[in-house]
C-alpha atoms as a PDB file:
ATOM      1  CA  MET A   1       8.029 -20.605 -26.993  1.00  0.00           C
ATOM      2  CA  GLU A   2       9.776 -17.576 -25.888  1.00  0.00           C
ATOM      3  CA  GLU A   3      13.072 -18.969 -24.129  1.00  0.00           C
ATOM      4  CA  HIS A   4      15.153 -17.418 -21.078  1.00  0.00           C
ATOM      5  CA  SER A   5      18.134 -19.760 -19.686  1.00  0.00           C
ATOM      6  CA  CYS A   6      19.937 -18.903 -16.483  1.00  0.00           C
ATOM      7  CA  ASP A   7      21.958 -21.297 -14.032  1.00  0.00           C
ATOM      8  CA  LEU A   8      19.691 -20.686 -11.168  1.00  0.00           C
ATOM      9  CA  LEU A   9      16.038 -20.292 -11.279  1.00  0.00           C
ATOM     10  CA  VAL A  10      14.158 -19.382  -8.089  1.00  0.00           C
ATOM     11  CA  ILE A  11      10.123 -20.138  -8.119  1.00  0.00           C
ATOM     12  CA  GLY A  12       8.515 -17.985  -5.296  1.00  0.00           C
ATOM     13  CA  SER A  13       9.793 -14.593  -4.341  1.00  0.00           C
ATOM     14  CA  GLY A  14       8.939 -14.368  -0.736  1.00  0.00           C
ATOM     15  CA  PHE A  15      11.191 -14.859   2.122  1.00  0.00           C
ATOM     16  CA  ALA A  16      12.824 -18.102   0.903  1.00  0.00           C
ATOM     17  CA  GLY A  17      13.131 -16.955  -2.918  1.00  0.00           C
ATOM     18  CA  LEU A  18      14.584 -14.129  -2.027  1.00  0.00           C
ATOM     19  CA  TRP A  19      16.808 -15.270  -0.015  1.00  0.00           C
ATOM     20  CA  ALA A  20      17.696 -17.842  -2.175  1.00  0.00           C
ATOM     21  CA  ALA A  21      18.692 -15.432  -4.530  1.00  0.00           C
ATOM     22  CA  LEU A  22      20.460 -13.452  -2.602  1.00  0.00           C
ATOM     23  CA  SER A  23      22.552 -16.326  -1.162  1.00  0.00           C
ATOM     24  CA  ALA A  24      23.215 -17.987  -4.560  1.00  0.00           C
ATOM     25  CA  GLY A  25      24.986 -14.733  -5.237  1.00  0.00           C
ATOM     26  CA  GLU A  26      26.585 -14.628  -2.362  1.00  0.00           C
ATOM     27  CA  ALA A  27      27.809 -18.048  -3.388  1.00  0.00           C
ATOM     28  CA  GLY A  28      29.128 -16.987  -6.571  1.00  0.00           C
ATOM     29  CA  VAL A  29      26.488 -17.625  -9.165  1.00  0.00           C
ATOM     30  CA  ARG A  30      26.430 -14.843 -11.357  1.00  0.00           C
ATOM     31  CA  ASP A  31      22.914 -15.691 -13.249  1.00  0.00           C
ATOM     32  CA  VAL A  32      19.893 -16.132 -11.470  1.00  0.00           C
ATOM     33  CA  ALA A  33      16.246 -15.935 -12.327  1.00  0.00           C
ATOM     34  CA  VAL A  34      13.534 -14.874 -10.416  1.00  0.00           C
ATOM     35  CA  VAL A  35      10.120 -16.081 -11.059  1.00  0.00           C
ATOM     36  CA  ASP A  36       6.735 -15.608  -9.557  1.00  0.00           C
ATOM     37  CA  LYS A  37       3.043 -16.301 -10.706  1.00  0.00           C
ATOM     38  CA  ARG A  38       2.117 -12.418  -9.331  1.00  0.00           C
ATOM     39  CA  SER A  39       4.508  -9.397  -8.724  1.00  0.00           C
ATOM     40  CA  ILE A  40       7.965  -9.963  -7.344  1.00  0.00           C
ATOM     41  CA  GLY A  41       7.889  -9.425  -3.404  1.00  0.00           C
ATOM     42  CA  LEU A  42       4.799  -7.756  -3.478  1.00  0.00           C
ATOM     43  CA  THR A  43       2.141 -10.324  -2.932  1.00  0.00           C
ATOM     44  CA  SER A  44       3.360 -13.355  -0.698  1.00  0.00           C
ATOM     45  CA  GLN A  45       2.536 -14.326   1.995  1.00  0.00           C
ATOM     46  CA  SER A  46       5.700 -13.471   3.448  1.00  0.00           C
ATOM     47  CA  ARG A  47       4.782  -9.701   2.924  1.00  0.00           C
ATOM     48  CA  MET A  48       1.518 -10.127   5.144  1.00  0.00           C
ATOM     49  CA  ALA A  49       3.405 -11.772   7.483  1.00  0.00           C
ATOM     50  CA  ALA A  50       3.468  -9.900  11.526  1.00  0.00           C
ATOM     51  CA  GLY A  51       6.548 -10.366  11.656  1.00  0.00           C
ATOM     52  CA  ALA A  52       7.336 -11.597  15.212  1.00  0.00           C
ATOM     53  CA  THR A  53      10.672 -14.272  14.633  1.00  0.00           C
ATOM     54  CA  VAL A  54      12.569 -16.789  16.202  1.00  0.00           C
ATOM     55  CA  TYR A  55      15.958 -16.145  16.491  1.00  0.00           C
ATOM     56  CA  CYS A  56      18.397 -18.056  19.323  1.00  0.00           C
ATOM     57  CA  LEU A  57      20.648 -15.385  20.532  1.00  0.00           C
ATOM     58  CA  PRO A  58      23.995 -16.449  22.276  1.00  0.00           C
ATOM     59  CA  ARG A  59      22.460 -16.377  25.401  1.00  0.00           C
ATOM     60  CA  TYR A  60      19.908 -19.176  24.530  1.00  0.00           C
ATOM     61  CA  ASP A  61      20.546 -22.623  24.209  1.00  0.00           C
ATOM     62  CA  PRO A  62      19.569 -23.720  20.823  1.00  0.00           C
ATOM     63  CA  GLY A  63      19.779 -28.082  22.006  1.00  0.00           C
ATOM     64  CA  LEU A  64      17.055 -26.972  24.666  1.00  0.00           C
ATOM     65  CA  TRP A  65      14.923 -25.026  22.450  1.00  0.00           C
ATOM     66  CA  ALA A  66      14.801 -27.775  19.636  1.00  0.00           C
ATOM     67  CA  ASP A  67      13.970 -30.554  22.485  1.00  0.00           C
ATOM     68  CA  THR A  68      11.107 -27.555  23.141  1.00  0.00           C
ATOM     69  CA  ILE A  69       9.989 -27.492  19.409  1.00  0.00           C
ATOM     70  CA  ALA A  70       9.863 -31.468  19.056  1.00  0.00           C
ATOM     71  CA  ASN A  71       7.406 -31.709  22.358  1.00  0.00           C
ATOM     72  CA  ALA A  72       5.019 -29.239  20.987  1.00  0.00           C
ATOM     73  CA  ASN A  73       5.079 -30.887  17.831  1.00  0.00           C
ATOM     74  CA  GLY A  74       4.055 -34.595  19.359  1.00  0.00           C
ATOM     75  CA  GLY A  75       7.271 -35.387  18.090  1.00  0.00           C
ATOM     76  CA  LEU A  76       7.035 -34.906  14.529  1.00  0.00           C
ATOM     77  CA  SER A  77      10.058 -32.952  14.017  1.00  0.00           C
ATOM     78  CA  ARG A  78      13.481 -33.353  12.606  1.00  0.00           C
ATOM     79  CA  ARG A  79      14.994 -32.463  15.585  1.00  0.00           C
ATOM     80  CA  ASP A  80      18.376 -31.986  13.308  1.00  0.00           C
ATOM     81  CA  MET A  81      17.183 -29.940  11.047  1.00  0.00           C
ATOM     82  CA  VAL A  82      15.360 -27.968  13.988  1.00  0.00           C
ATOM     83  CA  ARG A  83      18.795 -27.329  15.538  1.00  0.00           C
ATOM     84  CA  ASP A  84      20.506 -25.761  12.354  1.00  0.00           C
ATOM     85  CA  MET A  85      17.998 -23.879  11.753  1.00  0.00           C
ATOM     86  CA  LEU A  86      18.168 -22.185  15.697  1.00  0.00           C
ATOM     87  CA  GLU A  87      22.311 -22.172  15.584  1.00  0.00           C
ATOM     88  CA  THR A  88      22.417 -20.414  12.257  1.00  0.00           C
ATOM     89  CA  SER A  89      19.473 -17.520  13.116  1.00  0.00           C
ATOM     90  CA  HIS A  90      21.245 -15.613  15.036  1.00  0.00           C
ATOM     91  CA  GLY A  91      23.541 -15.388  11.821  1.00  0.00           C
ATOM     92  CA  ARG A  92      20.966 -14.323   9.689  1.00  0.00           C
ATOM     93  CA  LEU A  93      19.455 -11.679  11.699  1.00  0.00           C
ATOM     94  CA  GLU A  94      22.824 -10.011  11.521  1.00  0.00           C
ATOM     95  CA  VAL A  95      22.169  -9.929   7.689  1.00  0.00           C
ATOM     96  CA  LEU A  96      19.111  -8.502   7.991  1.00  0.00           C
ATOM     97  CA  GLU A  97      20.238  -5.915  10.728  1.00  0.00           C
ATOM     98  CA  SER A  98      22.978  -4.548   8.239  1.00  0.00           C
ATOM     99  CA  TRP A  99      20.154  -4.305   5.419  1.00  0.00           C
ATOM    100  CA  GLY A 100      18.394  -1.527   7.743  1.00  0.00           C
ATOM    101  CA  ILE A 101      15.776  -3.995   9.506  1.00  0.00           C
ATOM    102  CA  GLU A 102      15.493  -3.171  12.949  1.00  0.00           C
ATOM    103  CA  TYR A 103      14.085  -4.907  15.739  1.00  0.00           C
ATOM    104  CA  ARG A 104      12.077  -3.331  18.608  1.00  0.00           C
ATOM    105  CA  ARG A 105      14.591  -2.717  21.673  1.00  0.00           C
ATOM    106  CA  LEU A 106      14.080  -1.572  25.458  1.00  0.00           C
ATOM    107  CA  PRO A 107      16.339   0.484  26.993  1.00  0.00           C
ATOM    108  CA  LEU A 108      19.048  -1.184  28.930  1.00  0.00           C
ATOM    109  CA  LEU A 109      17.443  -4.265  28.121  1.00  0.00           C
ATOM    110  CA  GLY A 110      18.431  -4.732  24.290  1.00  0.00           C
ATOM    111  CA  TYR A 111      15.462  -6.626  22.242  1.00  0.00           C
ATOM    112  CA  GLN A 112      12.452  -6.793  23.057  1.00  0.00           C
ATOM    113  CA  THR A 113      10.916 -10.657  22.896  1.00  0.00           C
ATOM    114  CA  MET A 114       8.023 -12.316  23.588  1.00  0.00           C
ATOM    115  CA  PRO A 115       6.816 -16.223  24.207  1.00  0.00           C
ATOM    116  CA  SER A 116       6.491 -18.253  21.034  1.00  0.00           C
ATOM    117  CA  ARG A 117       2.886 -19.726  21.388  1.00  0.00           C
ATOM    118  CA  GLY A 118       3.183 -22.766  22.501  1.00  0.00           C
ATOM    119  CA  LEU A 119       6.634 -23.407  23.220  1.00  0.00           C
ATOM    120  CA  GLU A 120       7.751 -22.852  26.689  1.00  0.00           C
ATOM    121  CA  GLY A 121      10.699 -20.759  27.016  1.00  0.00           C
ATOM    122  CA  VAL A 122      11.505 -20.217  23.143  1.00  0.00           C
ATOM    123  CA  ARG A 123      11.501 -16.164  22.506  1.00  0.00           C
ATOM    124  CA  MET A 124      10.626 -14.354  19.673  1.00  0.00           C
ATOM    125  CA  LEU A 125      11.716 -10.837  18.681  1.00  0.00           C
ATOM    126  CA  VAL A 126       8.990  -8.484  17.257  1.00  0.00           C
ATOM    127  CA  VAL A 127       8.092  -5.885  15.187  1.00  0.00           C
ATOM    128  CA  PRO A 128      10.645  -5.592  12.492  1.00  0.00           C
ATOM    129  CA  GLY A 129      10.556  -2.099  11.103  1.00  0.00           C
ATOM    130  CA  ARG A 130      12.966  -0.380   8.141  1.00  0.00           C
ATOM    131  CA  ASP A 131      11.528   3.185   6.550  1.00  0.00           C
ATOM    132  CA  GLY A 132       8.496   3.010   7.731  1.00  0.00           C
ATOM    133  CA  ALA A 133       7.202  -0.424   7.323  1.00  0.00           C
ATOM    134  CA  VAL A 134       7.062  -2.829   9.909  1.00  0.00           C
ATOM    135  CA  GLY A 135       6.519  -7.059  10.103  1.00  0.00           C
ATOM    136  CA  GLY A 136       6.800  -8.863   6.772  1.00  0.00           C
ATOM    137  CA  ALA A 137       6.371  -5.869   4.546  1.00  0.00           C
ATOM    138  CA  ALA A 138       9.788  -4.305   6.561  1.00  0.00           C
ATOM    139  CA  VAL A 139      11.903  -7.659   5.517  1.00  0.00           C
ATOM    140  CA  VAL A 140      10.507  -8.505   2.261  1.00  0.00           C
ATOM    141  CA  GLY A 141      11.551  -4.337   1.745  1.00  0.00           C
ATOM    142  CA  ALA A 142      14.888  -4.957   2.917  1.00  0.00           C
ATOM    143  CA  LEU A 143      15.157  -8.710   1.136  1.00  0.00           C
ATOM    144  CA  MET A 144      13.890  -6.553  -2.377  1.00  0.00           C
ATOM    145  CA  GLU A 145      16.215  -3.603  -2.230  1.00  0.00           C
ATOM    146  CA  GLN A 146      19.211  -6.325  -2.455  1.00  0.00           C
ATOM    147  CA  VAL A 147      17.767  -8.211  -5.129  1.00  0.00           C
ATOM    148  CA  ARG A 148      16.744  -5.255  -6.988  1.00  0.00           C
ATOM    149  CA  GLU A 149      20.655  -3.764  -6.353  1.00  0.00           C
ATOM    150  CA  ARG A 150      21.813  -7.343  -8.199  1.00  0.00           C
ATOM    151  CA  LYS A 151      19.585  -6.993 -10.657  1.00  0.00           C
ATOM    152  CA  ARG A 152      21.116  -3.877 -11.446  1.00  0.00           C
ATOM    153  CA  GLY A 153      24.554  -5.492 -11.786  1.00  0.00           C
ATOM    154  CA  GLY A 154      23.379  -8.042 -13.860  1.00  0.00           C
ATOM    155  CA  ASP A 155      22.974 -10.958 -11.782  1.00  0.00           C
ATOM    156  CA  VAL A 156      19.421 -11.515 -11.383  1.00  0.00           C
ATOM    157  CA  ARG A 157      16.352 -11.092 -13.707  1.00  0.00           C
ATOM    158  CA  LEU A 158      12.854 -11.489 -12.192  1.00  0.00           C
ATOM    159  CA  TYR A 159       9.746 -12.483 -14.421  1.00  0.00           C
ATOM    160  CA  PRO A 160       6.426 -10.950 -12.281  1.00  0.00           C
ATOM    161  CA  ARG A 161       3.203 -12.809 -13.140  1.00  0.00           C
ATOM    162  CA  VAL A 162       4.746 -15.990 -14.844  1.00  0.00           C
ATOM    163  CA  MET A 163       2.449 -19.436 -13.399  1.00  0.00           C
ATOM    164  CA  ILE A 164       5.058 -22.405 -13.668  1.00  0.00           C
ATOM    165  CA  THR A 165       3.283 -25.513 -14.732  1.00  0.00           C
ATOM    166  CA  SER A 166       5.608 -28.030 -15.071  1.00  0.00           C
ATOM    167  CA  LEU A 167       9.477 -28.342 -14.356  1.00  0.00           C
ATOM    168  CA  LEU A 168      11.610 -29.753 -17.477  1.00  0.00           C
ATOM    169  CA  ARG A 169      13.701 -33.017 -16.839  1.00  0.00           C
ATOM    170  CA  ARG A 170      16.807 -33.820 -19.082  1.00  0.00           C
ATOM    171  CA  ASP A 171      18.799 -37.142 -18.202  1.00  0.00           C
ATOM    172  CA  GLY A 172      16.902 -37.571 -15.271  1.00  0.00           C
ATOM    173  CA  ARG A 173      17.532 -34.031 -13.654  1.00  0.00           C
ATOM    174  CA  VAL A 174      15.290 -31.298 -13.707  1.00  0.00           C
ATOM    175  CA  ALA A 175      16.769 -28.711 -16.636  1.00  0.00           C
ATOM    176  CA  GLY A 176      14.415 -25.443 -16.291  1.00  0.00           C
ATOM    177  CA  ALA A 177      10.611 -25.154 -16.055  1.00  0.00           C
ATOM    178  CA  VAL A 178       7.694 -24.337 -18.457  1.00  0.00           C
ATOM    179  CA  GLY A 179       5.488 -21.489 -17.578  1.00  0.00           C
ATOM    180  CA  VAL A 180       2.619 -19.264 -18.630  1.00  0.00           C
ATOM    181  CA  HIS A 181       2.286 -15.393 -19.025  1.00  0.00           C
ATOM    182  CA  ALA A 182      -0.842 -14.742 -16.442  1.00  0.00           C
ATOM    183  CA  ARG A 183      -1.863 -11.372 -18.300  1.00  0.00           C
ATOM    184  CA  THR A 184      -1.310 -12.453 -22.068  1.00  0.00           C
ATOM    185  CA  GLY A 185      -1.607 -16.218 -22.023  1.00  0.00           C
ATOM    186  CA  GLU A 186       1.845 -16.751 -23.382  1.00  0.00           C
ATOM    187  CA  PRO A 187       4.044 -19.482 -22.969  1.00  0.00           C
ATOM    188  CA  LEU A 188       7.970 -19.451 -21.424  1.00  0.00           C
ATOM    189  CA  VAL A 189      10.726 -21.896 -21.397  1.00  0.00           C
ATOM    190  CA  PHE A 190      13.477 -21.348 -18.949  1.00  0.00           C
ATOM    191  CA  LYS A 191      16.609 -23.520 -19.033  1.00  0.00           C
ATOM    192  CA  ALA A 192      18.191 -23.896 -16.072  1.00  0.00           C
ATOM    193  CA  ARG A 193      21.143 -25.909 -14.241  1.00  0.00           C
ATOM    194  CA  ALA A 194      19.267 -25.845 -11.113  1.00  0.00           C
ATOM    195  CA  VAL A 195      15.645 -24.915  -9.900  1.00  0.00           C
ATOM    196  CA  VAL A 196      14.776 -24.205  -6.203  1.00  0.00           C
ATOM    197  CA  LEU A 197      11.177 -24.754  -5.045  1.00  0.00           C
ATOM    198  CA  ALA A 198      10.029 -21.646  -2.559  1.00  0.00           C
ATOM    199  CA  ALA A 199       6.657 -21.698  -3.758  1.00  0.00           C
ATOM    200  CA  ALA A 200       4.570 -21.344  -0.403  1.00  0.00           C
ATOM    201  CA  ASP A 201       3.730 -24.189   2.273  1.00  0.00           C
ATOM    202  CA  CYS A 202       1.975 -26.971   1.981  1.00  0.00           C
ATOM    203  CA  SER A 203       0.737 -28.524   5.081  1.00  0.00           C
ATOM    204  CA  PHE A 204      -2.319 -30.951   6.299  1.00  0.00           C
ATOM    205  CA  ARG A 205      -1.956 -29.312   9.694  1.00  0.00           C
ATOM    206  CA  GLY A 206      -1.139 -25.733   8.508  1.00  0.00           C
ATOM    207  CA  GLY A 207      -0.555 -22.776  11.193  1.00  0.00           C
ATOM    208  CA  TYR A 208      -2.730 -19.884  11.970  1.00  0.00           C
ATOM    209  CA  ALA A 209      -4.579 -17.567   9.649  1.00  0.00           C
ATOM    210  CA  CYS A 210      -4.440 -17.863   5.448  1.00  0.00           C
ATOM    211  CA  VAL A 211      -3.273 -21.527   5.779  1.00  0.00           C
ATOM    212  CA  ASP A 212      -6.335 -22.212   3.805  1.00  0.00           C
ATOM    213  CA  ALA A 213      -4.652 -19.940   0.778  1.00  0.00           C
ATOM    214  CA  VAL A 214      -1.737 -21.762   0.247  1.00  0.00           C
ATOM    215  CA  THR A 215      -1.678 -24.162  -2.677  1.00  0.00           C
ATOM    216  CA  GLY A 216       1.093 -26.197  -2.846  1.00  0.00           C
ATOM    217  CA  ASP A 217       2.739 -25.513  -6.199  1.00  0.00           C
ATOM    218  CA  ALA A 218       6.032 -26.269  -5.120  1.00  0.00           C
ATOM    219  CA  PHE A 219       5.111 -29.835  -3.820  1.00  0.00           C
ATOM    220  CA  ARG A 220       2.792 -30.393  -6.926  1.00  0.00           C
ATOM    221  CA  LEU A 221       5.639 -29.339  -9.390  1.00  0.00           C
ATOM    222  CA  ALA A 222       8.435 -32.229  -7.671  1.00  0.00           C
ATOM    223  CA  TYR A 223       6.025 -34.781  -7.067  1.00  0.00           C
ATOM    224  CA  ASP A 224       5.103 -34.270 -11.144  1.00  0.00           C
ATOM    225  CA  ALA A 225       8.937 -34.165 -12.430  1.00  0.00           C
ATOM    226  CA  GLY A 226       9.282 -37.556 -10.178  1.00  0.00           C
ATOM    227  CA  VAL A 227      10.470 -36.680  -6.725  1.00  0.00           C
ATOM    228  CA  ARG A 228       9.092 -39.140  -4.232  1.00  0.00           C
ATOM    229  CA  LEU A 229       7.631 -36.864  -1.427  1.00  0.00           C
ATOM    230  CA  CYS A 230       8.163 -37.857   1.924  1.00  0.00           C
ATOM    231  CA  ASN A 231       8.099 -36.595   5.610  1.00  0.00           C
ATOM    232  CA  MET A 232       5.484 -34.023   5.082  1.00  0.00           C
ATOM    233  CA  GLU A 233       4.588 -34.613   8.444  1.00  0.00           C
ATOM    234  CA  PHE A 234       7.718 -32.496   9.491  1.00  0.00           C
ATOM    235  CA  LEU A 235       6.484 -29.273   7.531  1.00  0.00           C
ATOM    236  CA  PHE A 236       5.047 -27.583  10.159  1.00  0.00           C
ATOM    237  CA  SER A 237       6.438 -26.990  13.982  1.00  0.00           C
ATOM    238  CA  ASN A 238       3.880 -26.110  15.882  1.00  0.00           C
ATOM    239  CA  THR A 239       0.475 -28.551  15.898  1.00  0.00           C
ATOM    240  CA  GLY A 240      -2.694 -26.781  14.325  1.00  0.00           C
ATOM    241  CA  SER A 241      -5.702 -27.670  12.743  1.00  0.00           C
ATOM    242  CA  PRO A 242      -5.920 -27.271   8.888  1.00  0.00           C
ATOM    243  CA  CYS A 243      -8.182 -24.320   9.101  1.00  0.00           C
ATOM    244  CA  TYR A 244      -7.577 -22.588  12.647  1.00  0.00           C
ATOM    245  CA  GLY A 245      -7.796 -19.057  11.074  1.00  0.00           C
ATOM    246  CA  PHE A 246      -9.935 -16.310  13.648  1.00  0.00           C
ATOM    247  CA  GLU A 247      -9.695 -18.513  16.565  1.00  0.00           C
ATOM    248  CA  GLY A 248      -5.837 -19.500  16.000  1.00  0.00           C
ATOM    249  CA  THR A 249      -5.042 -15.368  16.243  1.00  0.00           C
ATOM    250  CA  GLY A 250      -5.515 -16.083  20.097  1.00  0.00           C
ATOM    251  CA  VAL A 251      -7.479 -12.865  20.780  1.00  0.00           C
ATOM    252  CA  ALA A 252     -11.058 -15.100  20.368  1.00  0.00           C
ATOM    253  CA  ALA A 253     -10.168 -17.709  23.197  1.00  0.00           C
ATOM    254  CA  ARG A 254      -9.804 -14.788  26.237  1.00  0.00           C
ATOM    255  CA  ARG A 255     -13.665 -15.832  26.823  1.00  0.00           C
ATOM    256  CA  ALA A 256     -14.862 -18.125  24.767  1.00  0.00           C
ATOM    257  CA  ARG A 257     -14.733 -21.940  25.253  1.00  0.00           C
ATOM    258  CA  PHE A 258     -14.020 -25.009  23.430  1.00  0.00           C
ATOM    259  CA  LEU A 259     -16.872 -27.451  23.387  1.00  0.00           C
ATOM    260  CA  ASP A 260     -17.219 -30.947  22.244  1.00  0.00           C
ATOM    261  CA  ARG A 261     -20.369 -33.193  20.528  1.00  0.00           C
ATOM    262  CA  ARG A 262     -22.035 -32.986  23.550  1.00  0.00           C
ATOM    263  CA  PRO A 263     -21.435 -30.511  24.087  1.00  0.00           C
ATOM    264  CA  GLU A 264     -19.407 -29.814  27.220  1.00  0.00           C
ATOM    265  CA  SER A 265     -16.557 -27.835  27.962  1.00  0.00           C
ATOM    266  CA  PHE A 266     -13.239 -30.337  27.847  1.00  0.00           C
ATOM    267  CA  MET A 267     -10.148 -28.066  27.682  1.00  0.00           C
ATOM    268  CA  LYS A 268      -9.588 -27.797  31.623  1.00  0.00           C
ATOM    269  CA  ARG A 269      -9.278 -31.963  31.408  1.00  0.00           C
ATOM    270  CA  TYR A 270      -5.666 -31.105  29.714  1.00  0.00           C
ATOM    271  CA  ARG A 271      -4.228 -28.418  30.223  1.00  0.00           C
ATOM    272  CA  PRO A 272      -4.445 -25.867  33.192  1.00  0.00           C
ATOM    273  CA  GLU A 273      -4.767 -22.946  31.360  1.00  0.00           C
ATOM    274  CA  GLY A 274      -8.380 -24.585  30.102  1.00  0.00           C
ATOM    275  CA  ASP A 275      -9.383 -22.546  26.694  1.00  0.00           C
ATOM    276  CA  THR A 276      -7.068 -20.058  26.417  1.00  0.00           C
ATOM    277  CA  ALA A 277      -4.768 -22.920  25.583  1.00  0.00           C
ATOM    278  CA  GLU A 278      -1.754 -23.018  22.978  1.00  0.00           C
ATOM    279  CA  VAL A 279      -3.623 -23.852  19.548  1.00  0.00           C
ATOM    280  CA  CYS A 280      -1.084 -27.157  19.539  1.00  0.00           C
ATOM    281  CA  HIS A 281      -2.504 -28.195  22.950  1.00  0.00           C
ATOM    282  CA  ILE A 282      -5.855 -27.343  21.741  1.00  0.00           C
ATOM    283  CA  VAL A 283      -5.780 -29.787  18.401  1.00  0.00           C
ATOM    284  CA  GLN A 284      -3.801 -32.486  20.819  1.00  0.00           C
ATOM    285  CA  ALA A 285      -6.667 -31.992  23.209  1.00  0.00           C
ATOM    286  CA  MET A 286      -9.242 -32.036  20.235  1.00  0.00           C
ATOM    287  CA  ALA A 287      -7.454 -35.231  19.681  1.00  0.00           C
ATOM    288  CA  LYS A 288      -7.840 -37.437  22.213  1.00  0.00           C
ATOM    289  CA  GLU A 289     -11.517 -36.355  22.831  1.00  0.00           C
ATOM    290  CA  ALA A 290     -12.358 -37.798  19.421  1.00  0.00           C
ATOM    291  CA  ARG A 291     -10.546 -41.202  20.247  1.00  0.00           C
ATOM    292  CA  GLU A 292     -12.459 -41.178  23.005  1.00  0.00           C
ATOM    293  CA  ARG A 293     -15.678 -40.620  20.743  1.00  0.00           C
ATOM    294  CA  ASN A 294     -16.678 -36.996  22.147  1.00  0.00           C
ATOM    295  CA  GLY A 295     -15.930 -35.599  18.584  1.00  0.00           C
ATOM    296  CA  PRO A 296     -16.196 -34.122  16.229  1.00  0.00           C
ATOM    297  CA  PRO A 297     -17.530 -31.754  15.487  1.00  0.00           C
ATOM    298  CA  PHE A 298     -16.210 -29.357  17.682  1.00  0.00           C
ATOM    299  CA  TYR A 299     -17.401 -26.032  18.562  1.00  0.00           C
ATOM    300  CA  PHE A 300     -16.236 -22.740  19.464  1.00  0.00           C
ATOM    301  CA  ASP A 301     -19.238 -21.099  22.217  1.00  0.00           C
ATOM    302  CA  MET A 302     -18.347 -17.148  21.863  1.00  0.00           C
ATOM    303  CA  SER A 303     -22.208 -16.776  23.984  1.00  0.00           C
ATOM    304  CA  ARG A 304     -20.721 -14.828  27.015  1.00  0.00           C
ATOM    305  CA  TRP A 305     -19.386 -12.168  24.626  1.00  0.00           C
ATOM    306  CA  PRO A 306     -21.278  -9.132  24.854  1.00  0.00           C
ATOM    307  CA  GLY A 307     -21.626  -7.926  20.771  1.00  0.00           C
ATOM    308  CA  ARG A 308     -20.190  -4.893  21.410  1.00  0.00           C
ATOM    309  CA  TYR A 309     -16.808  -6.210  22.430  1.00  0.00           C
ATOM    310  CA  ILE A 310     -16.584  -8.673  19.328  1.00  0.00           C
ATOM    311  CA  THR A 311     -17.016  -5.648  17.200  1.00  0.00           C
ATOM    312  CA  ARG A 312     -14.874  -3.033  18.850  1.00  0.00           C
ATOM    313  CA  ARG A 313     -12.365  -4.481  20.553  1.00  0.00           C
ATOM    314  CA  MET A 314     -11.435  -7.872  19.543  1.00  0.00           C
ATOM    315  CA  LEU A 315     -12.084  -7.484  15.353  1.00  0.00           C
ATOM    316  CA  MET A 316     -10.419  -4.530  15.173  1.00  0.00           C
ATOM    317  CA  SER A 317      -7.169  -5.834  16.881  1.00  0.00           C
ATOM    318  CA  VAL A 318      -7.107  -8.957  14.126  1.00  0.00           C
ATOM    319  CA  GLY A 319      -6.611  -7.500  10.756  1.00  0.00           C
ATOM    320  CA  ASN A 320      -8.831  -3.934  11.118  1.00  0.00           C
ATOM    321  CA  TRP A 321     -11.712  -6.082   9.642  1.00  0.00           C
ATOM    322  CA  CYS A 322     -14.378  -4.259  10.491  1.00  0.00           C
ATOM    323  CA  ARG A 323     -13.122  -0.498   9.211  1.00  0.00           C
ATOM    324  CA  SER A 324     -14.687   0.692   6.561  1.00  0.00           C
ATOM    325  CA  THR A 325     -13.122   1.053   2.871  1.00  0.00           C
ATOM    326  CA  SER A 326     -13.025   5.039   3.410  1.00  0.00           C
ATOM    327  CA  GLY A 327     -10.535   4.942   6.646  1.00  0.00           C
ATOM    328  CA  GLY A 328     -13.544   6.007   8.505  1.00  0.00           C
ATOM    329  CA  SER A 329     -14.874   4.722  12.097  1.00  0.00           C
ATOM    330  CA  PRO A 330     -15.613   0.943  12.075  1.00  0.00           C
ATOM    331  CA  ARG A 331     -18.560  -0.541  10.602  1.00  0.00           C
ATOM    332  CA  LYS A 332     -21.154  -2.684  12.428  1.00  0.00           C
ATOM    333  CA  ALA A 333     -20.467  -6.240  12.082  1.00  0.00           C
END
């Protein structure tokens, strides 16, 4: 097998993986390898993110925000970890800004913020941009530029298109990983003093679009290496259903209704905003309806929507679903 050695092996190249590689360099690690089963930094879910991010600026109370997140999550939240993330978030924002990321600002008011869905009082900064890119692409671009700079200095090596299949163990400790090149099929061995798993989400509750695309590779690798998985209920801080993509964007619920198995509308019984409530409240309401044997199934009724509105106004606002491949006008849905 083709062998490589490093001090730190990072598996995954989204926000977490790239940030881990850079943080290791700041901590003095001089030999970091980043492995991804696709292109480094270009094919992760992070790059596809919209980019609205919760940063707890100094004028906000991290304790209050941590309590809000815990309450919205039905109590399934490690408040100490959430609070730590909030308290350190402003420092991460300052680092990203030093790398050229600019979040949208308003004259005299500073950062433009918007409410974080389902988290009353928690605010998000919006539309990160850099060199013409926006959202997750802008943030990943800034991270990749820093990684490439470390690569030129010889501190970081990149291994794209390598699917890691198992972790190596020696004397009860992880000592590297084994993988296969996605194009050539050749096996590779990475010997490492430490391994960071940053290979996407794995959650039974998920969160919004693309949740069914995450594979949980890192969790399986850890499990097969003998790690006891626990606290899996804390993996996502806003309760959602396992497959809540199009509806979860919130756009669709403006004129639609959630119905139980009878079928009857039920959201008004739980939230004053009814069917436009946040995802976490909708899912919790469904759970209560299921306890009363009113579901599943549950239905998403869009019969009151004009077809032209769905095609032109709504679908085009969610990822350009109807745009033709030639870049012309939208096709009919």
